C-alpha atoms as a PDB file:
ATOM      1  CA  UNK A   1     -47.184  16.574  34.397  1.00  0.00           C
ATOM      2  CA  UNK A   2     -45.860  13.317  35.966  1.00  0.00           C
ATOM      3  CA  UNK A   3     -43.533  11.343  33.911  1.00  0.00           C
ATOM      4  CA  UNK A   4     -42.777   7.599  34.142  1.00  0.00           C
ATOM      5  CA  UNK A   5     -39.641   6.442  36.123  1.00  0.00           C
ATOM      6  CA  UNK A   6     -39.106   3.399  33.959  1.00  0.00           C
ATOM      7  CA  UNK A   7     -39.034   4.011  30.278  1.00  0.00           C
ATOM      8  CA  UNK A   8     -40.028   1.704  27.542  1.00  0.00           C
ATOM      9  CA  UNK A   9     -37.576  -1.198  27.233  1.00  0.00           C
ATOM     10  CA  UNK A  10     -36.457  -0.894  30.971  1.00  0.00           C
ATOM     11  CA  UNK A  11     -35.685  -4.002  33.014  1.00  0.00           C
ATOM     12  CA  UNK A  12     -37.625  -4.037  36.300  1.00  0.00           C
ATOM     13  CA  UNK A  13     -38.993  -6.438  38.878  1.00  0.00           C
ATOM     14  CA  UNK A  14     -42.207  -6.634  40.594  1.00  0.00           C
ATOM     15  CA  UNK A  15     -42.029  -6.339  44.445  1.00  0.00           C
ATOM     16  CA  UNK A  16     -44.166  -9.391  44.738  1.00  0.00           C
ATOM     17  CA  UNK A  17     -41.854 -11.592  42.605  1.00  0.00           C
ATOM     18  CA  UNK A  18     -38.402  -9.961  42.561  1.00  0.00           C
ATOM     19  CA  UNK A  19     -36.761 -13.089  40.993  1.00  0.00           C
ATOM     20  CA  UNK A  20     -38.762 -12.573  37.718  1.00  0.00           C
ATOM     21  CA  UNK A  21     -37.243 -10.225  35.289  1.00  0.00           C
ATOM     22  CA  UNK A  22     -39.630  -7.975  33.389  1.00  0.00           C
ATOM     23  CA  UNK A  23     -39.496  -5.552  30.477  1.00  0.00           C
ATOM     24  CA  UNK A  24     -41.536  -2.435  30.306  1.00  0.00           C
ATOM     25  CA  UNK A  25     -43.309  -2.605  27.049  1.00  0.00           C
ATOM     26  CA  UNK A  26     -45.638   0.434  27.489  1.00  0.00           C
ATOM     27  CA  UNK A  27     -46.629   3.100  30.054  1.00  0.00           C
ATOM     28  CA  UNK A  28     -50.089   4.541  29.736  1.00  0.00           C
ATOM     29  CA  UNK A  29     -52.316   6.228  32.106  1.00  0.00           C
ATOM     30  CA  UNK A  30     -49.967   5.762  35.173  1.00  0.00           C
ATOM     31  CA  UNK A  31     -49.842   1.842  34.457  1.00  0.00           C
ATOM     32  CA  UNK A  32     -46.952  -0.173  33.306  1.00  0.00           C
ATOM     33  CA  UNK A  33     -47.477  -2.986  30.787  1.00  0.00           C
ATOM     34  CA  UNK A  34     -44.602  -5.498  31.275  1.00  0.00           C
ATOM     35  CA  UNK A  35     -43.574  -8.564  29.535  1.00  0.00           C
ATOM     36  CA  UNK A  36     -41.694 -11.623  31.231  1.00  0.00           C
ATOM     37  CA  UNK A  37     -38.203 -11.650  29.701  1.00  0.00           C
ATOM     38  CA  UNK A  38     -37.963 -15.393  29.909  1.00  0.00           C
ATOM     39  CA  UNK A  39     -41.335 -15.953  28.387  1.00  0.00           C
ATOM     40  CA  UNK A  40     -42.302 -12.929  26.211  1.00  0.00           C
ATOM     41  CA  UNK A  41     -45.060 -14.984  24.573  1.00  0.00           C
ATOM     42  CA  UNK A  42     -47.138 -15.287  27.858  1.00  0.00           C
ATOM     43  CA  UNK A  43     -49.812 -12.664  28.712  1.00  0.00           C
ATOM     44  CA  UNK A  44     -48.541  -9.230  29.695  1.00  0.00           C
ATOM     45  CA  UNK A  45     -48.380  -8.224  33.406  1.00  0.00           C
ATOM     46  CA  UNK A  46     -49.810  -4.800  34.423  1.00  0.00           C
ATOM     47  CA  UNK A  47     -48.519  -2.948  37.390  1.00  0.00           C
ATOM     48  CA  UNK A  48     -48.575   0.473  39.004  1.00  0.00           C
ATOM     49  CA  UNK A  49     -45.256   2.311  39.569  1.00  0.00           C
ATOM     50  CA  UNK A  50     -45.244   1.585  43.263  1.00  0.00           C
ATOM     51  CA  UNK A  51     -45.478  -2.153  42.643  1.00  0.00           C
ATOM     52  CA  UNK A  52     -42.082  -2.041  40.676  1.00  0.00           C
ATOM     53  CA  UNK A  53     -38.491  -1.755  41.376  1.00  0.00           C
ATOM     54  CA  UNK A  54     -35.675  -1.066  39.067  1.00  0.00           C
ATOM     55  CA  UNK A  55     -32.935  -3.400  38.057  1.00  0.00           C
ATOM     56  CA  UNK A  56     -30.386  -1.913  40.398  1.00  0.00           C
ATOM     57  CA  UNK A  57     -32.656  -2.618  43.417  1.00  0.00           C
ATOM     58  CA  UNK A  58     -33.250  -6.255  42.623  1.00  0.00           C
ATOM     59  CA  UNK A  59     -31.545  -8.929  44.693  1.00  0.00           C
ATOM     60  CA  UNK A  60     -28.648 -10.823  43.073  1.00  0.00           C
ATOM     61  CA  UNK A  61     -29.511 -14.141  44.528  1.00  0.00           C
ATOM     62  CA  UNK A  62     -25.943 -14.922  45.109  1.00  0.00           C
ATOM     63  CA  UNK A  63     -24.487 -15.604  48.632  1.00  0.00           C
ATOM     64  CA  UNK A  64     -21.308 -13.602  49.653  1.00  0.00           C
END
């Protein structure tokens, strides 16, 4: 049985919009239901695992 990589409550980023922080609310049937951290009242976003990246892989947005 396959398990999800990102547990409930994890901070993740969508590959199509890496500047937007998401929180995994639910994982069901190989689909992640995420809320936008800055606007939790907005509609949930739905992603497959391959469309997400973990918090450590997100760009910092700061120049070095």
